[in-house]
Amino acid sequence: MYLLAHSGITLGAAYAIEKAVNCRRADDRPEAGPAVRGSLRIDYRFILLGSLLLDIIDKPLGLILLPGVLANGRTFLHTLLFLSFTLLAAAMLYRQRRAMWGIFIAFGVLMHFIMDAMWTDPVTFYWPLYGAFLAHPGISVWILQSWVQSLIEEPRLYIPEIAGFLILLFFTVRIIIQKQVKAFFSQGWL
């Protein structure tokens, strides 16, 4: 999957979780009113960062910097090792400092793994236990060219890319109409 699918679908999933958790807490304590103390407040900047982090680092590394050595844009961060490290770091940050931003990044990373179905590529997913990322001929150096080519050759990518685009468009229009652009960039709230 790509930029729009990773960011939009992950953002939508986090938003749905936030609303479901807060609705449930409000139902448990109706006397507390709509602003229930201890409600979940997600910083969507970290959700977006986590959803794109793997590609921000792996795509340039695998396709531009080391195209003759690495196979593709799914390298070191697309591994079970990195996912485990991210989840562990998020749990430690929360336990020691009650910092939620690590959990938000880890959620984005986990969603990226799910959407890429990384378990279907055992050489990458289980690196370094299962093998190495060996170069394959014909890898495009330019990420945009690769994205467009994949969209042309694989129509199955249209649905998640369109879904991601529509979710991103919805939230963008929403924060503009509600004049919450500053709140989003300063606090990450939707």
C-alpha atoms as a PDB file:
ATOM      1  CA  MET A   1       0.000   0.000   0.000  1.00  0.00           C
ATOM      2  CA  TYR A   2       1.012   3.576  -0.322  1.00  0.00           C
ATOM      3  CA  LEU A   3       0.963   7.065   1.145  1.00  0.00           C
ATOM      4  CA  LEU A   4      -2.768   7.746   1.033  1.00  0.00           C
ATOM      5  CA  ALA A   5      -3.826   4.307   2.205  1.00  0.00           C
ATOM      6  CA  HIS A   6      -1.310   4.134   5.042  1.00  0.00           C
ATOM      7  CA  SER A   7      -2.008   7.613   6.364  1.00  0.00           C
ATOM      8  CA  GLY A   8      -5.745   7.841   5.710  1.00  0.00           C
ATOM      9  CA  ILE A   9      -6.832   4.378   6.841  1.00  0.00           C
ATOM     10  CA  THR A  10      -4.607   4.540   9.944  1.00  0.00           C
ATOM     11  CA  LEU A  11      -5.967   7.983  10.806  1.00  0.00           C
ATOM     12  CA  GLY A  12      -9.535   6.738  10.363  1.00  0.00           C
ATOM     13  CA  ALA A  13      -8.915   3.661  12.526  1.00  0.00           C
ATOM     14  CA  ALA A  14      -7.383   5.754  15.320  1.00  0.00           C
ATOM     15  CA  TYR A  15     -10.279   8.206  15.153  1.00  0.00           C
ATOM     16  CA  ALA A  16     -12.803   5.368  15.380  1.00  0.00           C
ATOM     17  CA  ILE A  17     -10.980   3.916  18.401  1.00  0.00           C
ATOM     18  CA  GLU A  18     -10.868   7.316  20.106  1.00  0.00           C
ATOM     19  CA  LYS A  19     -14.594   7.855  19.590  1.00  0.00           C
ATOM     20  CA  ALA A  20     -15.497   4.312  20.679  1.00  0.00           C
ATOM     21  CA  VAL A  21     -13.412   4.520  23.867  1.00  0.00           C
ATOM     22  CA  ASN A  22     -14.744   7.949  24.781  1.00  0.00           C
ATOM     23  CA  CYS A  23     -18.341   6.957  24.023  1.00  0.00           C
ATOM     24  CA  ARG A  24     -17.994   3.871  26.207  1.00  0.00           C
ATOM     25  CA  ARG A  25     -16.512   5.888  29.075  1.00  0.00           C
ATOM     26  CA  ALA A  26     -19.325   8.429  28.796  1.00  0.00           C
ATOM     27  CA  ASP A  27     -21.897   5.604  28.889  1.00  0.00           C
ATOM     28  CA  ASP A  28     -20.257   4.197  32.040  1.00  0.00           C
ATOM     29  CA  ARG A  29     -20.498   7.525  33.884  1.00  0.00           C
ATOM     30  CA  PRO A  30     -23.373   9.579  32.466  1.00  0.00           C
ATOM     31  CA  GLU A  31     -23.320  11.937  35.456  1.00  0.00           C
ATOM     32  CA  ALA A  32     -19.872  13.165  34.415  1.00  0.00           C
ATOM     33  CA  GLY A  33     -21.299  14.815  31.300  1.00  0.00           C
ATOM     34  CA  PRO A  34     -19.812  14.866  27.789  1.00  0.00           C
ATOM     35  CA  ALA A  35     -16.239  15.696  28.864  1.00  0.00           C
ATOM     36  CA  VAL A  36     -15.501  12.593  30.907  1.00  0.00           C
ATOM     37  CA  ARG A  37     -12.342  12.903  32.943  1.00  0.00           C
ATOM     38  CA  GLY A  38      -9.659  10.535  31.725  1.00  0.00           C
ATOM     39  CA  SER A  39     -11.032  10.342  28.197  1.00  0.00           C
ATOM     40  CA  LEU A  40      -8.711   9.212  25.438  1.00  0.00           C
ATOM     41  CA  ARG A  41      -7.174  12.126  23.544  1.00  0.00           C
ATOM     42  CA  ILE A  42      -5.111  11.080  20.528  1.00  0.00           C
ATOM     43  CA  ASP A  43      -2.338  13.203  19.074  1.00  0.00           C
ATOM     44  CA  TYR A  44      -2.848  12.451  15.400  1.00  0.00           C
ATOM     45  CA  ARG A  45       0.528  13.882  14.424  1.00  0.00           C
ATOM     46  CA  PHE A  46       2.155  10.823  16.001  1.00  0.00           C
ATOM     47  CA  ILE A  47      -0.412   8.489  14.407  1.00  0.00           C
ATOM     48  CA  LEU A  48       0.487   9.907  10.982  1.00  0.00           C
ATOM     49  CA  LEU A  49       4.212   9.715  11.727  1.00  0.00           C
ATOM     50  CA  GLY A  50       3.927   6.060  12.750  1.00  0.00           C
ATOM     51  CA  SER A  51       1.847   5.198   9.692  1.00  0.00           C
ATOM     52  CA  LEU A  52       4.503   6.591   7.330  1.00  0.00           C
ATOM     53  CA  LEU A  53       7.716   6.080   9.332  1.00  0.00           C
ATOM     54  CA  LEU A  54       8.617   2.755   7.731  1.00  0.00           C
ATOM     55  CA  ASP A  55       8.397   4.141   4.203  1.00  0.00           C
ATOM     56  CA  ILE A  56      10.034   7.479   5.105  1.00  0.00           C
ATOM     57  CA  ILE A  57      13.186   5.575   6.044  1.00  0.00           C
ATOM     58  CA  ASP A  58      13.051   2.300   4.084  1.00  0.00           C
ATOM     59  CA  LYS A  59      12.038   3.630   0.651  1.00  0.00           C
ATOM     60  CA  PRO A  60      14.980   6.042   0.253  1.00  0.00           C
ATOM     61  CA  LEU A  61      17.337   3.516   1.829  1.00  0.00           C
ATOM     62  CA  GLY A  62      16.311   0.572  -0.339  1.00  0.00           C
ATOM     63  CA  LEU A  63      15.477   2.311  -3.608  1.00  0.00           C
ATOM     64  CA  ILE A  64      17.791   5.327  -3.778  1.00  0.00           C
ATOM     65  CA  LEU A  65      20.787   5.006  -1.464  1.00  0.00           C
ATOM     66  CA  LEU A  66      21.482   1.271  -1.855  1.00  0.00           C
ATOM     67  CA  PRO A  67      19.540   0.092  -4.922  1.00  0.00           C
ATOM     68  CA  GLY A  68      22.170  -2.449  -5.929  1.00  0.00           C
ATOM     69  CA  VAL A  69      22.395  -3.951  -2.446  1.00  0.00           C
ATOM     70  CA  LEU A  70      18.862  -3.931  -1.059  1.00  0.00           C
ATOM     71  CA  ALA A  71      15.929  -5.516  -2.842  1.00  0.00           C
ATOM     72  CA  ASN A  72      13.270  -2.850  -2.509  1.00  0.00           C
ATOM     73  CA  GLY A  73      11.705  -0.193  -0.299  1.00  0.00           C
ATOM     74  CA  ARG A  74      10.855  -2.689   2.420  1.00  0.00           C
ATOM     75  CA  THR A  75      14.007  -3.234   4.391  1.00  0.00           C
ATOM     76  CA  PHE A  76      15.060  -2.828   8.019  1.00  0.00           C
ATOM     77  CA  LEU A  77      11.977  -1.074   9.397  1.00  0.00           C
ATOM     78  CA  HIS A  78       9.566  -3.493   7.713  1.00  0.00           C
ATOM     79  CA  THR A  79      10.779  -6.305   9.991  1.00  0.00           C
ATOM     80  CA  LEU A  80       9.312  -8.076  12.991  1.00  0.00           C
ATOM     81  CA  LEU A  81      12.410  -6.953  14.863  1.00  0.00           C
ATOM     82  CA  PHE A  82      11.540  -3.257  14.347  1.00  0.00           C
ATOM     83  CA  LEU A  83       7.858  -3.820  15.133  1.00  0.00           C
ATOM     84  CA  SER A  84       8.812  -5.577  18.383  1.00  0.00           C
ATOM     85  CA  PHE A  85      11.247  -2.792  19.284  1.00  0.00           C
ATOM     86  CA  THR A  86       8.587  -0.132  18.611  1.00  0.00           C
ATOM     87  CA  LEU A  87       5.955  -1.873  20.735  1.00  0.00           C
ATOM     88  CA  LEU A  88       8.422  -2.461  23.569  1.00  0.00           C
ATOM     89  CA  ALA A  89       9.648   1.147  23.504  1.00  0.00           C
ATOM     90  CA  ALA A  90       6.051   2.423  23.537  1.00  0.00           C
ATOM     91  CA  ALA A  91       5.185   0.230  26.530  1.00  0.00           C
ATOM     92  CA  MET A  92       8.289   1.364  28.416  1.00  0.00           C
ATOM     93  CA  LEU A  93       7.613   5.046  27.686  1.00  0.00           C
ATOM     94  CA  TYR A  94       4.069   4.718  28.909  1.00  0.00           C
ATOM     95  CA  ARG A  95       5.002   2.744  31.996  1.00  0.00           C
ATOM     96  CA  GLN A  96       7.812   5.059  33.075  1.00  0.00           C
ATOM     97  CA  ARG A  97       6.464   8.468  32.023  1.00  0.00           C
ATOM     98  CA  ARG A  98       2.813   7.915  31.104  1.00  0.00           C
ATOM     99  CA  ALA A  99       3.756   9.268  27.670  1.00  0.00           C
ATOM    100  CA  MET A 100       1.129   8.314  25.087  1.00  0.00           C
ATOM    101  CA  TRP A 101       3.018   9.517  22.007  1.00  0.00           C
ATOM    102  CA  GLY A 102       5.011   6.276  21.811  1.00  0.00           C
ATOM    103  CA  ILE A 103       1.785   4.287  21.772  1.00  0.00           C
ATOM    104  CA  PHE A 104       0.435   6.483  18.985  1.00  0.00           C
ATOM    105  CA  ILE A 105       3.567   5.919  16.879  1.00  0.00           C
ATOM    106  CA  ALA A 106       3.474   2.176  17.608  1.00  0.00           C
ATOM    107  CA  PHE A 107      -0.191   2.051  16.536  1.00  0.00           C
ATOM    108  CA  GLY A 108       0.714   3.712  13.227  1.00  0.00           C
ATOM    109  CA  VAL A 109       3.603   1.288  12.703  1.00  0.00           C
ATOM    110  CA  LEU A 110       1.378  -1.710  13.498  1.00  0.00           C
ATOM    111  CA  MET A 111      -1.277  -0.513  11.050  1.00  0.00           C
ATOM    112  CA  HIS A 112       1.418  -0.111   8.380  1.00  0.00           C
ATOM    113  CA  PHE A 113       2.490  -3.727   8.929  1.00  0.00           C
ATOM    114  CA  ILE A 114      -1.088  -4.942   8.682  1.00  0.00           C
ATOM    115  CA  MET A 115      -1.816  -3.005   5.488  1.00  0.00           C
ATOM    116  CA  ASP A 116       1.447  -4.190   3.881  1.00  0.00           C
ATOM    117  CA  ALA A 117       0.708  -7.786   4.973  1.00  0.00           C
ATOM    118  CA  MET A 118       4.366  -8.096   5.868  1.00  0.00           C
ATOM    119  CA  TRP A 119       3.990 -11.687   7.107  1.00  0.00           C
ATOM    120  CA  THR A 120       3.605 -12.704   3.450  1.00  0.00           C
ATOM    121  CA  ASP A 121       7.245 -11.700   2.815  1.00  0.00           C
ATOM    122  CA  PRO A 122       9.155 -13.896   5.287  1.00  0.00           C
ATOM    123  CA  VAL A 123      12.626 -12.845   4.083  1.00  0.00           C
ATOM    124  CA  THR A 124      11.899  -9.243   5.048  1.00  0.00           C
ATOM    125  CA  PHE A 125       9.536  -9.853   7.959  1.00  0.00           C
ATOM    126  CA  TYR A 126      11.813 -12.248   9.847  1.00  0.00           C
ATOM    127  CA  TRP A 127      15.085 -10.480   9.005  1.00  0.00           C
ATOM    128  CA  PRO A 128      17.797 -11.264  10.035  1.00  0.00           C
ATOM    129  CA  LEU A 129      16.635 -14.765  11.033  1.00  0.00           C
ATOM    130  CA  TYR A 130      15.272 -15.864   7.660  1.00  0.00           C
ATOM    131  CA  GLY A 131      17.658 -14.258   5.201  1.00  0.00           C
ATOM    132  CA  ALA A 132      18.743 -10.978   3.696  1.00  0.00           C
ATOM    133  CA  PHE A 133      17.178  -8.456   1.361  1.00  0.00           C
ATOM    134  CA  LEU A 134      18.876  -9.345  -1.900  1.00  0.00           C
ATOM    135  CA  ALA A 135      18.610  -7.005  -4.836  1.00  0.00           C
ATOM    136  CA  HIS A 136      16.205  -7.808  -7.628  1.00  0.00           C
ATOM    137  CA  PRO A 137      16.697  -6.432 -11.125  1.00  0.00           C
ATOM    138  CA  GLY A 138      14.396  -3.744 -12.436  1.00  0.00           C
ATOM    139  CA  ILE A 139      13.821  -1.814  -9.195  1.00  0.00           C
ATOM    140  CA  SER A 140      12.811   1.762  -9.882  1.00  0.00           C
ATOM    141  CA  VAL A 141      14.963   4.434  -8.301  1.00  0.00           C
ATOM    142  CA  TRP A 142      12.220   7.031  -8.236  1.00  0.00           C
ATOM    143  CA  ILE A 143       9.505   6.457  -5.642  1.00  0.00           C
ATOM    144  CA  LEU A 144       6.809   8.463  -7.458  1.00  0.00           C
ATOM    145  CA  GLN A 145       7.472   6.575 -10.683  1.00  0.00           C
ATOM    146  CA  SER A 146       7.259   3.298  -8.765  1.00  0.00           C
ATOM    147  CA  TRP A 147       3.964   4.352  -7.152  1.00  0.00           C
ATOM    148  CA  VAL A 148       2.374   5.347 -10.462  1.00  0.00           C
ATOM    149  CA  GLN A 149       3.630   2.182 -12.151  1.00  0.00           C
ATOM    150  CA  SER A 150       2.200   0.037  -9.344  1.00  0.00           C
ATOM    151  CA  LEU A 151      -1.165   1.769  -9.630  1.00  0.00           C
ATOM    152  CA  ILE A 152      -1.219   1.105 -13.380  1.00  0.00           C
ATOM    153  CA  GLU A 153      -0.168  -2.538 -13.032  1.00  0.00           C
ATOM    154  CA  GLU A 154      -2.106  -3.422  -9.870  1.00  0.00           C
ATOM    155  CA  PRO A 155      -5.699  -2.142  -9.898  1.00  0.00           C
ATOM    156  CA  ARG A 156      -6.261  -3.799  -6.486  1.00  0.00           C
ATOM    157  CA  LEU A 157      -4.384  -0.824  -5.005  1.00  0.00           C
ATOM    158  CA  TYR A 158      -7.088   1.621  -6.130  1.00  0.00           C
ATOM    159  CA  ILE A 159      -9.493   0.790  -3.320  1.00  0.00           C
ATOM    160  CA  PRO A 160      -7.158   1.364  -0.350  1.00  0.00           C
ATOM    161  CA  GLU A 161      -5.578   4.426  -1.996  1.00  0.00           C
ATOM    162  CA  ILE A 162      -8.991   5.957  -2.720  1.00  0.00           C
ATOM    163  CA  ALA A 163     -10.211   5.078   0.784  1.00  0.00           C
ATOM    164  CA  GLY A 164      -7.123   6.671   2.314  1.00  0.00           C
ATOM    165  CA  PHE A 165      -7.526   9.759   0.152  1.00  0.00           C
ATOM    166  CA  LEU A 166     -11.190  10.171   1.113  1.00  0.00           C
ATOM    167  CA  ILE A 167     -10.447   9.798   4.831  1.00  0.00           C
ATOM    168  CA  LEU A 168      -7.629  12.346   4.610  1.00  0.00           C
ATOM    169  CA  LEU A 169      -9.883  14.694   2.636  1.00  0.00           C
ATOM    170  CA  PHE A 170     -12.663  14.337   5.223  1.00  0.00           C
ATOM    171  CA  PHE A 171     -10.385  15.224   8.140  1.00  0.00           C
ATOM    172  CA  THR A 172      -8.678  18.048   6.237  1.00  0.00           C
ATOM    173  CA  VAL A 173     -11.996  19.665   5.325  1.00  0.00           C
ATOM    174  CA  ARG A 174     -13.288  19.083   8.858  1.00  0.00           C
ATOM    175  CA  ILE A 175     -10.395  20.830  10.606  1.00  0.00           C
ATOM    176  CA  ILE A 176     -10.553  23.719   8.124  1.00  0.00           C
ATOM    177  CA  ILE A 177     -14.323  24.205   8.503  1.00  0.00           C
ATOM    178  CA  GLN A 178     -14.136  23.944  12.305  1.00  0.00           C
ATOM    179  CA  LYS A 179     -11.119  26.292  12.305  1.00  0.00           C
ATOM    180  CA  GLN A 180      -9.020  23.699  14.140  1.00  0.00           C
ATOM    181  CA  VAL A 181      -5.916  23.835  11.927  1.00  0.00           C
ATOM    182  CA  LYS A 182      -3.861  25.486  14.671  1.00  0.00           C
ATOM    183  CA  ALA A 183      -5.057  22.929  17.257  1.00  0.00           C
ATOM    184  CA  PHE A 184      -4.096  20.078  14.949  1.00  0.00           C
ATOM    185  CA  PHE A 185      -0.577  21.361  14.320  1.00  0.00           C
ATOM    186  CA  SER A 186       0.046  22.392  17.927  1.00  0.00           C
ATOM    187  CA  GLN A 187      -1.654  19.487  19.756  1.00  0.00           C
ATOM    188  CA  GLY A 188      -2.482  16.903  17.107  1.00  0.00           C
ATOM    189  CA  TRP A 189      -6.218  16.904  17.828  1.00  0.00           C
ATOM    190  CA  LEU A 190      -9.014  16.327  15.324  1.00  0.00           C
END
